[in-house]
Amino acid sequence: MNRTEFIFAIAIILFIAFVLGWLAYWFLHRFTSTAGGDMSELDRLAQGLHEAEEARDEAIEYFQTREADLTNRLSQTEAELRAAMDGLRNAREQNEQMRSYIDRMQNG
């Protein structure tokens, strides 16, 4: 191995060591920055998520209460409608009876 080949081999080894060191630093920085530096951001995101879940739960509870109220009102309205229809039917029957009675009285 002559001097030029030796220098070239050392340069390649040093370049590979540099790349491996840079990759190790990048991985280490990538994993430790989330664990240490960005914890406040993670806490803020967790708090925001918790608040959003609470708001969602409150909205679901409100809509369930509202749905139950509207269902109750619909049932009451339907009952009132049935009662009104029954009253109208009875009134029509009485009207027909009165007409037939009047017709009998006028003809007979």
N, C-alpha and C. Protein backbone atom coordinates (compact mmCIF):
# COMPACT_ATOMS: atom_id res chain seq x y z
N MET A 1 0.86 -1.16 0.00
CA MET A 1 0.00 0.00 0.00
C MET A 1 0.91 1.23 0.00
N ASN A 2 0.75 2.05 -0.99
CA ASN A 2 1.59 3.23 -1.07
C ASN A 2 0.95 4.39 -0.31
N ARG A 3 1.63 5.49 -0.35
CA ARG A 3 1.23 6.64 0.45
C ARG A 3 -0.10 7.20 -0.02
N THR A 4 -0.40 7.28 -1.29
CA THR A 4 -1.64 7.84 -1.83
C THR A 4 -2.82 6.96 -1.44
N GLU A 5 -2.68 5.67 -1.56
CA GLU A 5 -3.75 4.75 -1.18
C GLU A 5 -4.04 4.84 0.32
N PHE A 6 -3.01 4.99 1.11
CA PHE A 6 -3.16 5.11 2.55
C PHE A 6 -3.95 6.39 2.91
N ILE A 7 -3.60 7.50 2.29
CA ILE A 7 -4.29 8.77 2.54
C ILE A 7 -5.75 8.67 2.09
N PHE A 8 -5.97 8.04 0.95
CA PHE A 8 -7.33 7.87 0.43
C PHE A 8 -8.17 6.99 1.37
N ALA A 9 -7.60 5.90 1.89
CA ALA A 9 -8.30 5.00 2.81
C ALA A 9 -8.61 5.73 4.12
N ILE A 10 -7.67 6.50 4.66
CA ILE A 10 -7.89 7.26 5.88
C ILE A 10 -8.99 8.31 5.66
N ALA A 11 -9.00 8.96 4.50
CA ALA A 11 -10.02 9.97 4.19
C ALA A 11 -11.41 9.33 4.15
N ILE A 12 -11.51 8.15 3.55
CA ILE A 12 -12.80 7.45 3.49
C ILE A 12 -13.24 7.05 4.90
N ILE A 13 -12.34 6.54 5.71
CA ILE A 13 -12.67 6.13 7.07
C ILE A 13 -13.11 7.35 7.89
N LEU A 14 -12.42 8.46 7.75
CA LEU A 14 -12.81 9.68 8.48
C LEU A 14 -14.17 10.21 8.01
N PHE A 15 -14.43 10.13 6.70
CA PHE A 15 -15.73 10.58 6.19
C PHE A 15 -16.85 9.69 6.72
N ILE A 16 -16.64 8.39 6.73
CA ILE A 16 -17.64 7.46 7.26
C ILE A 16 -17.86 7.72 8.75
N ALA A 17 -16.79 7.98 9.49
CA ALA A 17 -16.92 8.29 10.92
C ALA A 17 -17.71 9.59 11.12
N PHE A 18 -17.45 10.58 10.26
CA PHE A 18 -18.18 11.84 10.33
C PHE A 18 -19.67 11.62 10.07
N VAL A 19 -20.00 10.86 9.04
CA VAL A 19 -21.41 10.60 8.71
C VAL A 19 -22.09 9.82 9.83
N LEU A 20 -21.42 8.82 10.38
CA LEU A 20 -21.99 8.05 11.48
C LEU A 20 -22.19 8.93 12.72
N GLY A 21 -21.27 9.79 13.00
CA GLY A 21 -21.39 10.70 14.13
C GLY A 21 -22.54 11.68 13.93
N TRP A 22 -22.65 12.18 12.72
CA TRP A 22 -23.74 13.11 12.43
C TRP A 22 -25.10 12.41 12.56
N LEU A 23 -25.23 11.19 12.04
CA LEU A 23 -26.47 10.43 12.17
C LEU A 23 -26.79 10.12 13.63
N ALA A 24 -25.77 9.76 14.40
CA ALA A 24 -25.99 9.48 15.82
C ALA A 24 -26.48 10.74 16.54
N TYR A 25 -25.88 11.88 16.23
CA TYR A 25 -26.31 13.14 16.83
C TYR A 25 -27.76 13.45 16.44
N TRP A 26 -28.07 13.25 15.16
CA TRP A 26 -29.41 13.56 14.67
C TRP A 26 -30.45 12.69 15.37
N PHE A 27 -30.18 11.37 15.46
CA PHE A 27 -31.12 10.48 16.15
C PHE A 27 -31.25 10.84 17.63
N LEU A 28 -30.14 11.11 18.27
CA LEU A 28 -30.16 11.46 19.68
C LEU A 28 -30.93 12.75 19.91
N HIS A 29 -30.68 13.74 19.07
CA HIS A 29 -31.40 15.01 19.18
C HIS A 29 -32.88 14.82 18.90
N ARG A 30 -33.19 14.00 17.93
CA ARG A 30 -34.59 13.75 17.55
C ARG A 30 -35.37 13.13 18.71
N PHE A 31 -34.81 12.15 19.39
CA PHE A 31 -35.52 11.46 20.46
C PHE A 31 -35.48 12.23 21.78
N THR A 32 -34.39 12.92 22.07
CA THR A 32 -34.32 13.64 23.34
C THR A 32 -35.04 14.98 23.28
N SER A 33 -35.20 15.57 22.12
CA SER A 33 -35.90 16.85 22.06
C SER A 33 -37.37 16.68 22.40
N THR A 34 -37.97 15.57 22.01
CA THR A 34 -39.35 15.32 22.35
C THR A 34 -39.48 15.00 23.84
N ALA A 35 -38.52 14.28 24.37
CA ALA A 35 -38.60 13.89 25.78
C ALA A 35 -38.31 15.07 26.71
N GLY A 36 -37.47 15.98 26.31
CA GLY A 36 -37.09 17.04 27.23
C GLY A 36 -37.58 18.42 26.83
N GLY A 37 -37.19 18.87 25.67
CA GLY A 37 -37.45 20.25 25.28
C GLY A 37 -38.89 20.55 24.94
N ASP A 38 -39.60 19.60 24.39
CA ASP A 38 -40.96 19.86 23.94
C ASP A 38 -42.02 19.36 24.91
N MET A 39 -41.63 19.09 26.16
CA MET A 39 -42.61 18.60 27.13
C MET A 39 -43.68 19.64 27.41
N SER A 40 -43.30 20.90 27.43
CA SER A 40 -44.29 21.94 27.68
C SER A 40 -45.31 21.98 26.54
N GLU A 41 -44.83 21.78 25.33
CA GLU A 41 -45.74 21.74 24.19
C GLU A 41 -46.64 20.51 24.27
N LEU A 42 -46.07 19.38 24.65
CA LEU A 42 -46.88 18.17 24.81
C LEU A 42 -47.91 18.35 25.92
N ASP A 43 -47.52 19.00 27.02
CA ASP A 43 -48.47 19.27 28.10
C ASP A 43 -49.59 20.19 27.62
N ARG A 44 -49.23 21.18 26.82
CA ARG A 44 -50.23 22.10 26.29
C ARG A 44 -51.18 21.36 25.35
N LEU A 45 -50.63 20.50 24.51
CA LEU A 45 -51.47 19.72 23.60
C LEU A 45 -52.38 18.76 24.37
N ALA A 46 -51.84 18.14 25.42
CA ALA A 46 -52.64 17.23 26.23
C ALA A 46 -53.76 17.98 26.93
N GLN A 47 -53.46 19.17 27.44
CA GLN A 47 -54.48 19.99 28.09
C GLN A 47 -55.56 20.40 27.09
N GLY A 48 -55.13 20.79 25.89
CA GLY A 48 -56.10 21.15 24.85
C GLY A 48 -56.98 19.97 24.46
N LEU A 49 -56.38 18.79 24.37
CA LEU A 49 -57.15 17.58 24.06
C LEU A 49 -58.15 17.28 25.17
N HIS A 50 -57.71 17.43 26.40
CA HIS A 50 -58.60 17.19 27.54
C HIS A 50 -59.78 18.16 27.51
N GLU A 51 -59.50 19.43 27.25
CA GLU A 51 -60.57 20.43 27.19
C GLU A 51 -61.52 20.13 26.03
N ALA A 52 -60.96 19.70 24.89
CA ALA A 52 -61.81 19.36 23.75
C ALA A 52 -62.70 18.16 24.06
N GLU A 53 -62.16 17.18 24.76
CA GLU A 53 -62.98 16.02 25.15
C GLU A 53 -64.09 16.42 26.11
N GLU A 54 -63.78 17.31 27.05
CA GLU A 54 -64.81 17.79 27.97
C GLU A 54 -65.90 18.55 27.22
N ALA A 55 -65.50 19.38 26.27
CA ALA A 55 -66.47 20.13 25.48
C ALA A 55 -67.33 19.18 24.66
N ARG A 56 -66.71 18.15 24.09
CA ARG A 56 -67.45 17.16 23.32
C ARG A 56 -68.45 16.43 24.21
N ASP A 57 -68.02 16.04 25.42
CA ASP A 57 -68.91 15.35 26.34
C ASP A 57 -70.09 16.24 26.74
N GLU A 58 -69.81 17.51 26.99
CA GLU A 58 -70.89 18.44 27.33
C GLU A 58 -71.86 18.61 26.17
N ALA A 59 -71.32 18.69 24.95
CA ALA A 59 -72.18 18.84 23.77
C ALA A 59 -73.03 17.59 23.57
N ILE A 60 -72.44 16.42 23.77
CA ILE A 60 -73.22 15.17 23.64
C ILE A 60 -74.32 15.13 24.68
N GLU A 61 -73.98 15.50 25.92
CA GLU A 61 -74.99 15.51 26.99
C GLU A 61 -76.10 16.50 26.68
N TYR A 62 -75.74 17.69 26.18
CA TYR A 62 -76.74 18.70 25.83
C TYR A 62 -77.66 18.18 24.73
N PHE A 63 -77.08 17.59 23.69
CA PHE A 63 -77.90 17.10 22.59
C PHE A 63 -78.77 15.92 23.01
N GLN A 64 -78.27 15.07 23.90
CA GLN A 64 -79.11 13.98 24.39
C GLN A 64 -80.27 14.52 25.21
N THR A 65 -80.00 15.51 26.05
CA THR A 65 -81.07 16.13 26.83
C THR A 65 -82.07 16.81 25.91
N ARG A 66 -81.55 17.51 24.93
CA ARG A 66 -82.42 18.22 23.97
C ARG A 66 -83.26 17.22 23.17
N GLU A 67 -82.65 16.12 22.76
CA GLU A 67 -83.37 15.10 22.01
C GLU A 67 -84.48 14.48 22.87
N ALA A 68 -84.17 14.20 24.13
CA ALA A 68 -85.18 13.64 25.03
C ALA A 68 -86.32 14.62 25.22
N ASP A 69 -86.01 15.91 25.37
CA ASP A 69 -87.04 16.92 25.53
C ASP A 69 -87.91 17.01 24.29
N LEU A 70 -87.28 17.03 23.12
CA LEU A 70 -88.05 17.12 21.88
C LEU A 70 -88.89 15.87 21.64
N THR A 71 -88.35 14.71 22.00
CA THR A 71 -89.12 13.47 21.87
C THR A 71 -90.34 13.51 22.79
N ASN A 72 -90.14 14.01 24.00
CA ASN A 72 -91.26 14.14 24.95
C ASN A 72 -92.32 15.10 24.41
N ARG A 73 -91.86 16.23 23.89
CA ARG A 73 -92.80 17.22 23.34
C ARG A 73 -93.54 16.65 22.13
N LEU A 74 -92.82 15.88 21.30
CA LEU A 74 -93.46 15.26 20.14
C LEU A 74 -94.52 14.27 20.58
N SER A 75 -94.23 13.47 21.60
CA SER A 75 -95.21 12.51 22.11
C SER A 75 -96.43 13.24 22.65
N GLN A 76 -96.21 14.33 23.38
CA GLN A 76 -97.34 15.10 23.90
C GLN A 76 -98.17 15.70 22.76
N THR A 77 -97.49 16.21 21.75
CA THR A 77 -98.19 16.81 20.62
C THR A 77 -98.99 15.75 19.86
N GLU A 78 -98.40 14.57 19.70
CA GLU A 78 -99.13 13.50 19.03
C GLU A 78 -100.35 13.07 19.84
N ALA A 79 -100.20 13.02 21.17
CA ALA A 79 -101.35 12.68 22.02
C ALA A 79 -102.44 13.75 21.90
N GLU A 80 -102.04 15.02 21.90
CA GLU A 80 -103.00 16.10 21.74
C GLU A 80 -103.68 16.03 20.38
N LEU A 81 -102.92 15.67 19.34
CA LEU A 81 -103.48 15.54 18.01
C LEU A 81 -104.51 14.40 17.97
N ARG A 82 -104.17 13.27 18.59
CA ARG A 82 -105.13 12.15 18.64
C ARG A 82 -106.40 12.57 19.38
N ALA A 83 -106.22 13.29 20.48
CA ALA A 83 -107.40 13.75 21.24
C ALA A 83 -108.23 14.72 20.41
N ALA A 84 -107.56 15.61 19.69
CA ALA A 84 -108.29 16.57 18.86
C ALA A 84 -109.01 15.86 17.72
N MET A 85 -108.35 14.87 17.12
CA MET A 85 -108.99 14.12 16.04
C MET A 85 -110.19 13.33 16.55
N ASP A 86 -110.05 12.73 17.75
CA ASP A 86 -111.18 12.02 18.34
C ASP A 86 -112.33 12.98 18.62
N GLY A 87 -112.01 14.17 19.15
CA GLY A 87 -113.05 15.17 19.40
C GLY A 87 -113.71 15.62 18.12
N LEU A 88 -112.93 15.80 17.06
CA LEU A 88 -113.49 16.20 15.77
C LEU A 88 -114.38 15.10 15.21
N ARG A 89 -113.94 13.85 15.36
CA ARG A 89 -114.75 12.73 14.88
C ARG A 89 -116.08 12.68 15.63
N ASN A 90 -116.00 12.86 16.95
CA ASN A 90 -117.23 12.87 17.75
C ASN A 90 -118.14 14.03 17.35
N ALA A 91 -117.55 15.20 17.10
CA ALA A 91 -118.34 16.36 16.71
C ALA A 91 -119.00 16.12 15.36
N ARG A 92 -118.29 15.48 14.42
CA ARG A 92 -118.89 15.18 13.11
C ARG A 92 -120.04 14.17 13.27
N GLU A 93 -119.84 13.18 14.12
CA GLU A 93 -120.92 12.20 14.35
C GLU A 93 -122.14 12.88 14.95
N GLN A 94 -121.91 13.76 15.91
CA GLN A 94 -123.03 14.49 16.51
C GLN A 94 -123.70 15.38 15.48
N ASN A 95 -122.91 16.00 14.61
CA ASN A 95 -123.44 16.86 13.56
C ASN A 95 -124.32 16.04 12.62
N GLU A 96 -123.88 14.87 12.24
CA GLU A 96 -124.67 14.01 11.36
C GLU A 96 -125.95 13.56 12.07
N GLN A 97 -125.85 13.24 13.34
CA GLN A 97 -127.04 12.84 14.09
C GLN A 97 -128.04 13.98 14.16
N MET A 98 -127.52 15.20 14.39
CA MET A 98 -128.40 16.36 14.46
C MET A 98 -129.05 16.63 13.09
N ARG A 99 -128.31 16.47 12.01
CA ARG A 99 -128.88 16.68 10.68
C ARG A 99 -129.97 15.64 10.39
N SER A 100 -129.66 14.41 10.73
CA SER A 100 -130.68 13.38 10.48
C SER A 100 -131.91 13.61 11.36
N TYR A 101 -131.70 14.05 12.58
CA TYR A 101 -132.83 14.35 13.48
C TYR A 101 -133.65 15.50 12.91
N ILE A 102 -132.97 16.56 12.43
CA ILE A 102 -133.68 17.72 11.86
C ILE A 102 -134.43 17.29 10.60
N ASP A 103 -133.79 16.46 9.75
CA ASP A 103 -134.46 15.99 8.54
C ASP A 103 -135.71 15.16 8.91
N ARG A 104 -135.62 14.33 9.92
CA ARG A 104 -136.77 13.53 10.35
C ARG A 104 -137.87 14.42 10.89
N MET A 105 -137.50 15.45 11.62
CA MET A 105 -138.51 16.34 12.21
C MET A 105 -139.21 17.15 11.12
N GLN A 106 -138.48 17.55 10.09
CA GLN A 106 -139.08 18.35 9.03
C GLN A 106 -139.96 17.47 8.11
N ASN A 107 -139.55 16.25 7.91
CA ASN A 107 -140.29 15.37 7.02
C ASN A 107 -141.40 14.62 7.74
N GLY A 108 -141.29 14.47 8.96
CA GLY A 108 -142.23 13.60 9.63
C GLY A 108 -143.12 14.25 10.57
